[in-house]
């Protein structure tokens, strides 16, 4: 009998007003749609710090799963294609990719592992087959339970982040500990997803414009010296400086040893971890293409970023 794969922890995220702005969108976002569910991709706008938070959480070994009620479909304000179009737009914003058809490049990293959406609403729905209660509709746990089964997730080691109590209740009903549910809102002690990520990762709250952080990336084999190869070394250095230039992060100091990269950046720790996660992904992809092996440990491996 084959051995069962180990269960993985996950971060379950609500979508509207957690990942993307919703409550403060202009009136045009709701033309033909009852307010509450974003169904127009041109109005998909991420909150500040979302990409950095997702990079850091994913690099810490968490799966990322978005679960969203989309009762606007039941109210005939749009279709599931519209929901998917909004999700595709957010994926590209998260990855800072610019594809005309809002599809991801083959080599873009998937920070969000999967997106679940529930189109049912028993009270305000007008589409007959969607005007019903459904186990996927939060506060029911159906979407989270489906994700746990599909992705082999452990709810007991997972977290839920959302802006409504029903988000947290759905997670608790699925087996996520109450202490691992976080409500993000203007009237909550935790303002946004970036703040929630710092709590989950146990990062001191140094989120200000004057922060400087140092992070280190160690090679897969501590006894190997891959950066002693001039080609590897120059590629890693160029990649680090390229990411800094592309993201607008000031790279104040970069040190490369034969087996590690040490970067000091003028940004808070969460942003620095996200920077190093991107460097790891980009240079691992290049190194595997040339040697068949990863240069740095993946999130499934023991802790690799300090």
C-alpha atoms as a PDB file:
ATOM      1  CA  UNK A   1       0.000   0.000   0.000  1.00  0.00           C
ATOM      2  CA  UNK A   2       1.469   3.405  -0.942  1.00  0.00           C
ATOM      3  CA  UNK A   3       2.290   5.741   1.919  1.00  0.00           C
ATOM      4  CA  UNK A   4      -0.165   8.584   2.440  1.00  0.00           C
ATOM      5  CA  UNK A   5       1.197  12.022   1.670  1.00  0.00           C
ATOM      6  CA  UNK A   6       1.670  14.233   4.730  1.00  0.00           C
ATOM      7  CA  UNK A   7      -1.003  16.831   5.339  1.00  0.00           C
ATOM      8  CA  UNK A   8       0.018  20.419   4.561  1.00  0.00           C
ATOM      9  CA  UNK A   9      -0.961  23.624   6.398  1.00  0.00           C
ATOM     10  CA  UNK A  10      -2.829  26.296   4.463  1.00  0.00           C
ATOM     11  CA  UNK A  11      -3.848  29.919   4.620  1.00  0.00           C
ATOM     12  CA  UNK A  12      -7.535  30.235   3.731  1.00  0.00           C
ATOM     13  CA  UNK A  13      -8.432  33.702   2.483  1.00  0.00           C
ATOM     14  CA  UNK A  14     -11.669  35.467   1.855  1.00  0.00           C
ATOM     15  CA  UNK A  15     -11.508  37.463  -1.391  1.00  0.00           C
ATOM     16  CA  UNK A  16     -13.486  40.730  -1.447  1.00  0.00           C
ATOM     17  CA  UNK A  17     -12.257  43.232   1.185  1.00  0.00           C
ATOM     18  CA  UNK A  18      -9.470  40.843   2.207  1.00  0.00           C
ATOM     19  CA  UNK A  19      -7.391  40.369  -0.943  1.00  0.00           C
ATOM     20  CA  UNK A  20      -8.962  43.132  -3.027  1.00  0.00           C
ATOM     21  CA  UNK A  21     -10.753  46.395  -2.359  1.00  0.00           C
ATOM     22  CA  UNK A  22     -14.530  46.149  -2.473  1.00  0.00           C
ATOM     23  CA  UNK A  23     -16.460  48.323  -0.019  1.00  0.00           C
ATOM     24  CA  UNK A  24     -14.916  51.584  -1.252  1.00  0.00           C
ATOM     25  CA  UNK A  25     -15.165  50.972  -4.998  1.00  0.00           C
ATOM     26  CA  UNK A  26     -16.907  53.634  -7.140  1.00  0.00           C
ATOM     27  CA  UNK A  27     -20.586  53.339  -8.080  1.00  0.00           C
ATOM     28  CA  UNK A  28     -19.636  52.163 -11.574  1.00  0.00           C
ATOM     29  CA  UNK A  29     -18.461  48.868 -10.072  1.00  0.00           C
ATOM     30  CA  UNK A  30     -22.053  48.071  -9.080  1.00  0.00           C
ATOM     31  CA  UNK A  31     -23.979  49.070 -12.201  1.00  0.00           C
ATOM     32  CA  UNK A  32     -26.325  46.191 -12.930  1.00  0.00           C
ATOM     33  CA  UNK A  33     -25.104  44.321  -9.862  1.00  0.00           C
ATOM     34  CA  UNK A  34     -26.387  44.394  -6.308  1.00  0.00           C
ATOM     35  CA  UNK A  35     -23.618  45.832  -4.137  1.00  0.00           C
ATOM     36  CA  UNK A  36     -21.419  43.318  -2.390  1.00  0.00           C
ATOM     37  CA  UNK A  37     -19.801  40.956  -4.892  1.00  0.00           C
ATOM     38  CA  UNK A  38     -17.154  42.106  -7.358  1.00  0.00           C
ATOM     39  CA  UNK A  39     -18.031  40.815 -10.824  1.00  0.00           C
ATOM     40  CA  UNK A  40     -16.231  43.385 -12.994  1.00  0.00           C
ATOM     41  CA  UNK A  41     -12.526  42.631 -13.448  1.00  0.00           C
ATOM     42  CA  UNK A  42     -11.657  46.219 -14.370  1.00  0.00           C
ATOM     43  CA  UNK A  43     -12.373  47.117 -10.726  1.00  0.00           C
ATOM     44  CA  UNK A  44     -10.150  44.374  -9.257  1.00  0.00           C
ATOM     45  CA  UNK A  45      -7.673  46.318  -7.106  1.00  0.00           C
ATOM     46  CA  UNK A  46      -5.424  44.631  -4.556  1.00  0.00           C
ATOM     47  CA  UNK A  47      -4.827  46.026  -1.094  1.00  0.00           C
ATOM     48  CA  UNK A  48      -1.317  47.283  -0.469  1.00  0.00           C
ATOM     49  CA  UNK A  49       1.072  44.563   0.672  1.00  0.00           C
ATOM     50  CA  UNK A  50      -0.949  41.597  -0.630  1.00  0.00           C
ATOM     51  CA  UNK A  51       1.704  40.242  -3.060  1.00  0.00           C
ATOM     52  CA  UNK A  52       4.423  40.504  -0.414  1.00  0.00           C
ATOM     53  CA  UNK A  53       2.240  38.764   2.158  1.00  0.00           C
ATOM     54  CA  UNK A  54       1.410  35.902  -0.210  1.00  0.00           C
ATOM     55  CA  UNK A  55       5.050  35.442  -1.253  1.00  0.00           C
ATOM     56  CA  UNK A  56       6.182  35.280   2.377  1.00  0.00           C
ATOM     57  CA  UNK A  57       3.400  32.901   3.454  1.00  0.00           C
ATOM     58  CA  UNK A  58       3.920  30.605   0.480  1.00  0.00           C
ATOM     59  CA  UNK A  59       7.663  30.549   1.062  1.00  0.00           C
ATOM     60  CA  UNK A  60       7.012  29.549   4.692  1.00  0.00           C
ATOM     61  CA  UNK A  61       5.381  26.360   3.405  1.00  0.00           C
ATOM     62  CA  UNK A  62       1.685  27.263   3.441  1.00  0.00           C
ATOM     63  CA  UNK A  63      -0.731  26.476   0.651  1.00  0.00           C
ATOM     64  CA  UNK A  64      -2.836  29.511  -0.272  1.00  0.00           C
ATOM     65  CA  UNK A  65      -6.565  28.994  -0.903  1.00  0.00           C
ATOM     66  CA  UNK A  66      -9.129  31.702  -1.637  1.00  0.00           C
ATOM     67  CA  UNK A  67     -12.737  30.949  -0.683  1.00  0.00           C
ATOM     68  CA  UNK A  68     -15.387  33.483  -1.650  1.00  0.00           C
ATOM     69  CA  UNK A  69     -19.168  33.791  -1.530  1.00  0.00           C
ATOM     70  CA  UNK A  70     -20.374  35.186  -4.854  1.00  0.00           C
ATOM     71  CA  UNK A  71     -24.116  35.556  -4.372  1.00  0.00           C
ATOM     72  CA  UNK A  72     -24.142  38.198  -7.103  1.00  0.00           C
ATOM     73  CA  UNK A  73     -24.251  35.318  -9.570  1.00  0.00           C
ATOM     74  CA  UNK A  74     -27.464  34.051  -7.952  1.00  0.00           C
ATOM     75  CA  UNK A  75     -28.794  37.628  -8.225  1.00  0.00           C
ATOM     76  CA  UNK A  76     -28.136  37.551 -12.002  1.00  0.00           C
ATOM     77  CA  UNK A  77     -25.533  40.297 -11.735  1.00  0.00           C
ATOM     78  CA  UNK A  78     -23.011  38.176 -13.594  1.00  0.00           C
ATOM     79  CA  UNK A  79     -21.854  34.654 -14.253  1.00  0.00           C
ATOM     80  CA  UNK A  80     -19.122  32.381 -12.994  1.00  0.00           C
ATOM     81  CA  UNK A  81     -17.134  33.499 -16.025  1.00  0.00           C
ATOM     82  CA  UNK A  82     -17.170  36.991 -14.538  1.00  0.00           C
ATOM     83  CA  UNK A  83     -15.981  35.596 -11.192  1.00  0.00           C
ATOM     84  CA  UNK A  84     -13.169  33.769 -12.986  1.00  0.00           C
ATOM     85  CA  UNK A  85     -12.262  36.921 -14.931  1.00  0.00           C
ATOM     86  CA  UNK A  86     -11.915  38.852 -11.656  1.00  0.00           C
ATOM     87  CA  UNK A  87      -9.780  36.064 -10.210  1.00  0.00           C
ATOM     88  CA  UNK A  88      -7.572  36.032 -13.316  1.00  0.00           C
ATOM     89  CA  UNK A  89      -7.117  39.785 -13.069  1.00  0.00           C
ATOM     90  CA  UNK A  90      -6.112  39.472  -9.399  1.00  0.00           C
ATOM     91  CA  UNK A  91      -3.647  36.698 -10.223  1.00  0.00           C
ATOM     92  CA  UNK A  92      -1.912  38.970 -12.679  1.00  0.00           C
ATOM     93  CA  UNK A  93      -1.863  41.843 -10.204  1.00  0.00           C
ATOM     94  CA  UNK A  94      -0.409  39.540  -7.543  1.00  0.00           C
ATOM     95  CA  UNK A  95       2.321  38.428  -9.928  1.00  0.00           C
ATOM     96  CA  UNK A  96       2.739  41.826 -11.577  1.00  0.00           C
ATOM     97  CA  UNK A  97       2.323  40.138 -14.955  1.00  0.00           C
ATOM     98  CA  UNK A  98       0.988  41.943 -17.973  1.00  0.00           C
ATOM     99  CA  UNK A  99      -0.740  39.560 -20.350  1.00  0.00           C
ATOM    100  CA  UNK A 100      -3.310  41.123 -22.664  1.00  0.00           C
ATOM    101  CA  UNK A 101      -5.758  38.249 -22.172  1.00  0.00           C
ATOM    102  CA  UNK A 102      -5.276  38.125 -18.375  1.00  0.00           C
ATOM    103  CA  UNK A 103      -3.873  34.604 -18.486  1.00  0.00           C
ATOM    104  CA  UNK A 104      -0.740  33.626 -16.608  1.00  0.00           C
ATOM    105  CA  UNK A 105       2.472  32.831 -18.398  1.00  0.00           C
ATOM    106  CA  UNK A 106       3.508  29.188 -18.260  1.00  0.00           C
ATOM    107  CA  UNK A 107       6.396  30.075 -15.981  1.00  0.00           C
ATOM    108  CA  UNK A 108       4.610  32.449 -13.596  1.00  0.00           C
ATOM    109  CA  UNK A 109       4.599  31.118 -10.031  1.00  0.00           C
ATOM    110  CA  UNK A 110       1.184  30.242  -8.671  1.00  0.00           C
ATOM    111  CA  UNK A 111       1.050  31.916  -5.275  1.00  0.00           C
ATOM    112  CA  UNK A 112      -2.649  31.124  -4.869  1.00  0.00           C
ATOM    113  CA  UNK A 113      -3.030  27.368  -5.223  1.00  0.00           C
ATOM    114  CA  UNK A 114      -6.741  27.418  -5.963  1.00  0.00           C
ATOM    115  CA  UNK A 115      -9.811  29.664  -5.876  1.00  0.00           C
ATOM    116  CA  UNK A 116     -13.226  28.453  -4.693  1.00  0.00           C
ATOM    117  CA  UNK A 117     -16.405  30.462  -5.279  1.00  0.00           C
ATOM    118  CA  UNK A 118     -19.971  29.791  -4.129  1.00  0.00           C
ATOM    119  CA  UNK A 119     -22.624  31.311  -6.450  1.00  0.00           C
ATOM    120  CA  UNK A 120     -25.659  30.331  -4.343  1.00  0.00           C
ATOM    121  CA  UNK A 121     -27.886  32.588  -2.235  1.00  0.00           C
ATOM    122  CA  UNK A 122     -31.193  31.330  -0.765  1.00  0.00           C
ATOM    123  CA  UNK A 123     -32.661  34.753   0.071  1.00  0.00           C
ATOM    124  CA  UNK A 124     -31.710  37.308  -2.589  1.00  0.00           C
ATOM    125  CA  UNK A 125     -31.090  34.959  -5.495  1.00  0.00           C
ATOM    126  CA  UNK A 126     -33.308  35.221  -8.585  1.00  0.00           C
ATOM    127  CA  UNK A 127     -31.718  32.488 -10.713  1.00  0.00           C
ATOM    128  CA  UNK A 128     -33.912  29.482  -9.799  1.00  0.00           C
ATOM    129  CA  UNK A 129     -31.235  26.792  -9.526  1.00  0.00           C
ATOM    130  CA  UNK A 130     -28.995  29.126  -7.471  1.00  0.00           C
ATOM    131  CA  UNK A 131     -31.698  30.410  -5.107  1.00  0.00           C
ATOM    132  CA  UNK A 132     -30.920  27.678  -2.572  1.00  0.00           C
ATOM    133  CA  UNK A 133     -28.821  27.167   0.510  1.00  0.00           C
ATOM    134  CA  UNK A 134     -25.593  25.294  -0.150  1.00  0.00           C
ATOM    135  CA  UNK A 135     -22.877  23.780   2.046  1.00  0.00           C
ATOM    136  CA  UNK A 136     -20.253  25.827   0.214  1.00  0.00           C
ATOM    137  CA  UNK A 137     -21.819  29.145   1.204  1.00  0.00           C
ATOM    138  CA  UNK A 138     -20.019  30.628   4.214  1.00  0.00           C
ATOM    139  CA  UNK A 139     -20.525  30.314   7.177  1.00  0.00           C
ATOM    140  CA  UNK A 140     -20.864  26.669   6.088  1.00  0.00           C
ATOM    141  CA  UNK A 141     -17.498  24.880   5.780  1.00  0.00           C
ATOM    142  CA  UNK A 142     -17.986  23.246   2.362  1.00  0.00           C
ATOM    143  CA  UNK A 143     -15.365  25.154   0.382  1.00  0.00           C
ATOM    144  CA  UNK A 144     -12.699  24.625   3.024  1.00  0.00           C
ATOM    145  CA  UNK A 145     -13.513  20.932   3.384  1.00  0.00           C
ATOM    146  CA  UNK A 146     -13.334  20.523  -0.399  1.00  0.00           C
ATOM    147  CA  UNK A 147      -9.950  22.266  -0.473  1.00  0.00           C
ATOM    148  CA  UNK A 148      -8.637  20.075   2.358  1.00  0.00           C
ATOM    149  CA  UNK A 149      -9.610  16.961   0.431  1.00  0.00           C
ATOM    150  CA  UNK A 150      -8.320  18.192  -2.918  1.00  0.00           C
ATOM    151  CA  UNK A 151      -4.992  19.587  -1.686  1.00  0.00           C
ATOM    152  CA  UNK A 152      -4.364  17.238   1.269  1.00  0.00           C
ATOM    153  CA  UNK A 153      -4.543  20.040   3.832  1.00  0.00           C
ATOM    154  CA  UNK A 154      -4.526  19.915   7.623  1.00  0.00           C
ATOM    155  CA  UNK A 155      -7.105  22.362   9.015  1.00  0.00           C
ATOM    156  CA  UNK A 156      -5.649  22.036  12.522  1.00  0.00           C
ATOM    157  CA  UNK A 157      -2.398  23.668  11.310  1.00  0.00           C
ATOM    158  CA  UNK A 158      -4.087  26.145   8.992  1.00  0.00           C
ATOM    159  CA  UNK A 159      -5.249  29.750   9.304  1.00  0.00           C
ATOM    160  CA  UNK A 160      -8.256  31.708   8.089  1.00  0.00           C
ATOM    161  CA  UNK A 161      -8.113  35.415   7.213  1.00  0.00           C
ATOM    162  CA  UNK A 162     -11.276  37.280   6.276  1.00  0.00           C
ATOM    163  CA  UNK A 163     -13.164  40.506   6.878  1.00  0.00           C
ATOM    164  CA  UNK A 164     -16.447  38.955   8.088  1.00  0.00           C
ATOM    165  CA  UNK A 165     -17.283  36.724  11.036  1.00  0.00           C
ATOM    166  CA  UNK A 166     -18.865  34.233   8.628  1.00  0.00           C
ATOM    167  CA  UNK A 167     -15.405  33.675   7.112  1.00  0.00           C
ATOM    168  CA  UNK A 168     -14.013  32.735  10.495  1.00  0.00           C
ATOM    169  CA  UNK A 169     -17.051  30.624  11.368  1.00  0.00           C
ATOM    170  CA  UNK A 170     -16.663  28.608   8.171  1.00  0.00           C
ATOM    171  CA  UNK A 171     -13.054  27.845   9.047  1.00  0.00           C
ATOM    172  CA  UNK A 172     -13.868  26.901  12.630  1.00  0.00           C
ATOM    173  CA  UNK A 173     -16.604  24.545  11.395  1.00  0.00           C
ATOM    174  CA  UNK A 174     -14.013  22.904   9.121  1.00  0.00           C
ATOM    175  CA  UNK A 175     -11.585  22.300  11.989  1.00  0.00           C
ATOM    176  CA  UNK A 176      -9.373  25.403  11.974  1.00  0.00           C
ATOM    177  CA  UNK A 177      -8.675  26.418  15.605  1.00  0.00           C
ATOM    178  CA  UNK A 178     -10.442  29.624  16.653  1.00  0.00           C
ATOM    179  CA  UNK A 179      -7.069  31.051  17.695  1.00  0.00           C
ATOM    180  CA  UNK A 180      -5.918  30.669  14.081  1.00  0.00           C
ATOM    181  CA  UNK A 181      -8.669  32.809  12.582  1.00  0.00           C
ATOM    182  CA  UNK A 182      -8.046  36.503  11.934  1.00  0.00           C
ATOM    183  CA  UNK A 183     -10.567  39.170  10.996  1.00  0.00           C
ATOM    184  CA  UNK A 184      -9.061  42.029   8.994  1.00  0.00           C
ATOM    185  CA  UNK A 185     -10.996  45.303   8.875  1.00  0.00           C
ATOM    186  CA  UNK A 186     -10.708  48.985   9.761  1.00  0.00           C
ATOM    187  CA  UNK A 187     -12.371  48.286  13.119  1.00  0.00           C
ATOM    188  CA  UNK A 188     -10.230  45.217  13.873  1.00  0.00           C
ATOM    189  CA  UNK A 189      -6.878  45.193  15.685  1.00  0.00           C
ATOM    190  CA  UNK A 190      -5.544  43.560  12.502  1.00  0.00           C
ATOM    191  CA  UNK A 191      -6.005  46.040   9.674  1.00  0.00           C
ATOM    192  CA  UNK A 192      -5.136  44.032   6.590  1.00  0.00           C
ATOM    193  CA  UNK A 193      -3.677  40.869   5.092  1.00  0.00           C
ATOM    194  CA  UNK A 194      -0.101  42.149   5.380  1.00  0.00           C
ATOM    195  CA  UNK A 195      -0.596  42.647   9.137  1.00  0.00           C
ATOM    196  CA  UNK A 196      -2.188  39.196   9.421  1.00  0.00           C
ATOM    197  CA  UNK A 197       0.782  37.625   7.619  1.00  0.00           C
ATOM    198  CA  UNK A 198       3.193  39.223  10.058  1.00  0.00           C
ATOM    199  CA  UNK A 199       1.224  37.726  12.946  1.00  0.00           C
ATOM    200  CA  UNK A 200       1.119  34.277  11.358  1.00  0.00           C
ATOM    201  CA  UNK A 201       4.846  34.353  10.600  1.00  0.00           C
ATOM    202  CA  UNK A 202       5.593  35.844  14.042  1.00  0.00           C
ATOM    203  CA  UNK A 203       7.334  38.873  12.571  1.00  0.00           C
ATOM    204  CA  UNK A 204       7.800  41.909  14.774  1.00  0.00           C
ATOM    205  CA  UNK A 205       5.515  44.695  13.569  1.00  0.00           C
ATOM    206  CA  UNK A 206       8.087  46.948  11.907  1.00  0.00           C
ATOM    207  CA  UNK A 207       5.925  47.950   8.954  1.00  0.00           C
ATOM    208  CA  UNK A 208       7.116  51.491   8.345  1.00  0.00           C
ATOM    209  CA  UNK A 209       8.907  53.383   5.602  1.00  0.00           C
ATOM    210  CA  UNK A 210      12.190  53.543   7.542  1.00  0.00           C
ATOM    211  CA  UNK A 211      12.579  49.800   8.153  1.00  0.00           C
ATOM    212  CA  UNK A 212      15.724  47.980   7.067  1.00  0.00           C
ATOM    213  CA  UNK A 213      15.814  44.195   7.037  1.00  0.00           C
ATOM    214  CA  UNK A 214      18.511  41.607   6.399  1.00  0.00           C
ATOM    215  CA  UNK A 215      17.597  38.159   5.080  1.00  0.00           C
ATOM    216  CA  UNK A 216      19.772  35.186   4.159  1.00  0.00           C
ATOM    217  CA  UNK A 217      19.219  32.392   1.656  1.00  0.00           C
ATOM    218  CA  UNK A 218      21.258  29.201   2.137  1.00  0.00           C
ATOM    219  CA  UNK A 219      22.081  26.644  -0.567  1.00  0.00           C
ATOM    220  CA  UNK A 220      20.383  23.256  -0.619  1.00  0.00           C
ATOM    221  CA  UNK A 221      23.578  21.414   0.326  1.00  0.00           C
ATOM    222  CA  UNK A 222      25.502  23.242   3.085  1.00  0.00           C
ATOM    223  CA  UNK A 223      28.657  21.382   2.070  1.00  0.00           C
ATOM    224  CA  UNK A 224      28.385  22.393  -1.572  1.00  0.00           C
ATOM    225  CA  UNK A 225      29.598  25.711  -2.906  1.00  0.00           C
ATOM    226  CA  UNK A 226      27.400  26.461  -5.923  1.00  0.00           C
ATOM    227  CA  UNK A 227      28.120  30.191  -5.934  1.00  0.00           C
ATOM    228  CA  UNK A 228      31.823  29.489  -6.322  1.00  0.00           C
ATOM    229  CA  UNK A 229      30.894  29.005  -9.981  1.00  0.00           C
ATOM    230  CA  UNK A 230      31.242  32.463 -11.538  1.00  0.00           C
ATOM    231  CA  UNK A 231      28.306  31.906 -13.875  1.00  0.00           C
ATOM    232  CA  UNK A 232      25.969  30.911 -11.055  1.00  0.00           C
ATOM    233  CA  UNK A 233      27.227  33.733  -8.865  1.00  0.00           C
ATOM    234  CA  UNK A 234      26.758  36.411 -11.532  1.00  0.00           C
ATOM    235  CA  UNK A 235      23.283  35.098 -12.410  1.00  0.00           C
ATOM    236  CA  UNK A 236      22.136  35.193  -8.778  1.00  0.00           C
ATOM    237  CA  UNK A 237      23.529  38.695  -8.299  1.00  0.00           C
ATOM    238  CA  UNK A 238      21.912  39.956 -11.498  1.00  0.00           C
ATOM    239  CA  UNK A 239      18.594  38.395 -10.502  1.00  0.00           C
ATOM    240  CA  UNK A 240      18.681  40.054  -7.067  1.00  0.00           C
ATOM    241  CA  UNK A 241      19.434  43.469  -8.517  1.00  0.00           C
ATOM    242  CA  UNK A 242      16.808  42.969 -11.202  1.00  0.00           C
ATOM    243  CA  UNK A 243      14.087  42.145  -8.671  1.00  0.00           C
ATOM    244  CA  UNK A 244      15.046  45.201  -6.603  1.00  0.00           C
ATOM    245  CA  UNK A 245      14.880  47.436  -9.666  1.00  0.00           C
ATOM    246  CA  UNK A 246      11.582  45.968 -10.850  1.00  0.00           C
ATOM    247  CA  UNK A 247       9.884  46.257  -7.454  1.00  0.00           C
ATOM    248  CA  UNK A 248      11.386  49.593  -6.444  1.00  0.00           C
ATOM    249  CA  UNK A 249      12.994  48.135  -3.312  1.00  0.00           C
ATOM    250  CA  UNK A 250      16.313  49.684  -2.332  1.00  0.00           C
ATOM    251  CA  UNK A 251      18.970  46.999  -2.055  1.00  0.00           C
ATOM    252  CA  UNK A 252      21.396  48.614   0.387  1.00  0.00           C
ATOM    253  CA  UNK A 253      23.828  45.703   0.605  1.00  0.00           C
ATOM    254  CA  UNK A 254      24.236  42.384  -1.193  1.00  0.00           C
ATOM    255  CA  UNK A 255      26.788  39.784  -0.071  1.00  0.00           C
ATOM    256  CA  UNK A 256      27.312  36.458  -1.808  1.00  0.00           C
ATOM    257  CA  UNK A 257      29.330  33.673  -0.231  1.00  0.00           C
ATOM    258  CA  UNK A 258      30.016  30.378  -1.942  1.00  0.00           C
ATOM    259  CA  UNK A 259      26.816  28.912  -0.438  1.00  0.00           C
ATOM    260  CA  UNK A 260      24.513  31.783   0.535  1.00  0.00           C
ATOM    261  CA  UNK A 261      23.072  35.182  -0.336  1.00  0.00           C
ATOM    262  CA  UNK A 262      22.737  37.886   2.299  1.00  0.00           C
ATOM    263  CA  UNK A 263      20.623  40.885   1.329  1.00  0.00           C
ATOM    264  CA  UNK A 264      19.924  44.048   3.278  1.00  0.00           C
ATOM    265  CA  UNK A 265      16.912  45.935   1.979  1.00  0.00           C
ATOM    266  CA  UNK A 266      15.263  49.215   2.863  1.00  0.00           C
ATOM    267  CA  UNK A 267      11.923  47.576   3.588  1.00  0.00           C
ATOM    268  CA  UNK A 268      10.094  45.846   6.436  1.00  0.00           C
ATOM    269  CA  UNK A 269      10.819  42.177   7.188  1.00  0.00           C
ATOM    270  CA  UNK A 270       7.719  40.881   5.382  1.00  0.00           C
ATOM    271  CA  UNK A 271       8.763  42.640   2.188  1.00  0.00           C
ATOM    272  CA  UNK A 272      12.335  41.363   2.572  1.00  0.00           C
ATOM    273  CA  UNK A 273      11.101  37.778   2.926  1.00  0.00           C
ATOM    274  CA  UNK A 274       8.954  38.227  -0.177  1.00  0.00           C
ATOM    275  CA  UNK A 275      11.983  39.591  -2.061  1.00  0.00           C
ATOM    276  CA  UNK A 276      14.065  36.576  -1.103  1.00  0.00           C
ATOM    277  CA  UNK A 277      11.228  34.191  -1.998  1.00  0.00           C
ATOM    278  CA  UNK A 278      11.125  35.684  -5.486  1.00  0.00           C
ATOM    279  CA  UNK A 279      14.918  35.423  -5.792  1.00  0.00           C
ATOM    280  CA  UNK A 280      14.768  31.785  -4.715  1.00  0.00           C
ATOM    281  CA  UNK A 281      12.042  30.976  -7.245  1.00  0.00           C
ATOM    282  CA  UNK A 282      13.686  32.780 -10.161  1.00  0.00           C
ATOM    283  CA  UNK A 283      17.177  31.388  -9.633  1.00  0.00           C
ATOM    284  CA  UNK A 284      15.929  27.880  -8.820  1.00  0.00           C
ATOM    285  CA  UNK A 285      14.067  27.853 -12.131  1.00  0.00           C
ATOM    286  CA  UNK A 286      17.203  28.925 -13.994  1.00  0.00           C
ATOM    287  CA  UNK A 287      19.430  26.445 -12.151  1.00  0.00           C
ATOM    288  CA  UNK A 288      17.067  23.513 -12.735  1.00  0.00           C
ATOM    289  CA  UNK A 289      16.926  24.326 -16.442  1.00  0.00           C
ATOM    290  CA  UNK A 290      20.732  24.130 -16.641  1.00  0.00           C
ATOM    291  CA  UNK A 291      21.575  21.394 -14.128  1.00  0.00           C
ATOM    292  CA  UNK A 292      18.353  19.575 -13.282  1.00  0.00           C
ATOM    293  CA  UNK A 293      18.745  20.491  -9.605  1.00  0.00           C
ATOM    294  CA  UNK A 294      17.488  23.271  -7.353  1.00  0.00           C
ATOM    295  CA  UNK A 295      19.967  25.807  -6.092  1.00  0.00           C
ATOM    296  CA  UNK A 296      17.988  26.612  -2.938  1.00  0.00           C
ATOM    297  CA  UNK A 297      15.631  24.540  -0.759  1.00  0.00           C
ATOM    298  CA  UNK A 298      11.945  24.719  -1.620  1.00  0.00           C
ATOM    299  CA  UNK A 299       9.259  25.558   0.987  1.00  0.00           C
ATOM    300  CA  UNK A 300       8.756  21.804   1.534  1.00  0.00           C
ATOM    301  CA  UNK A 301      12.329  21.540   2.802  1.00  0.00           C
ATOM    302  CA  UNK A 302      13.618  22.579   6.254  1.00  0.00           C
ATOM    303  CA  UNK A 303      13.739  26.262   7.063  1.00  0.00           C
ATOM    304  CA  UNK A 304      15.908  27.978   4.486  1.00  0.00           C
ATOM    305  CA  UNK A 305      15.478  31.724   4.879  1.00  0.00           C
ATOM    306  CA  UNK A 306      16.546  33.664   7.980  1.00  0.00           C
END
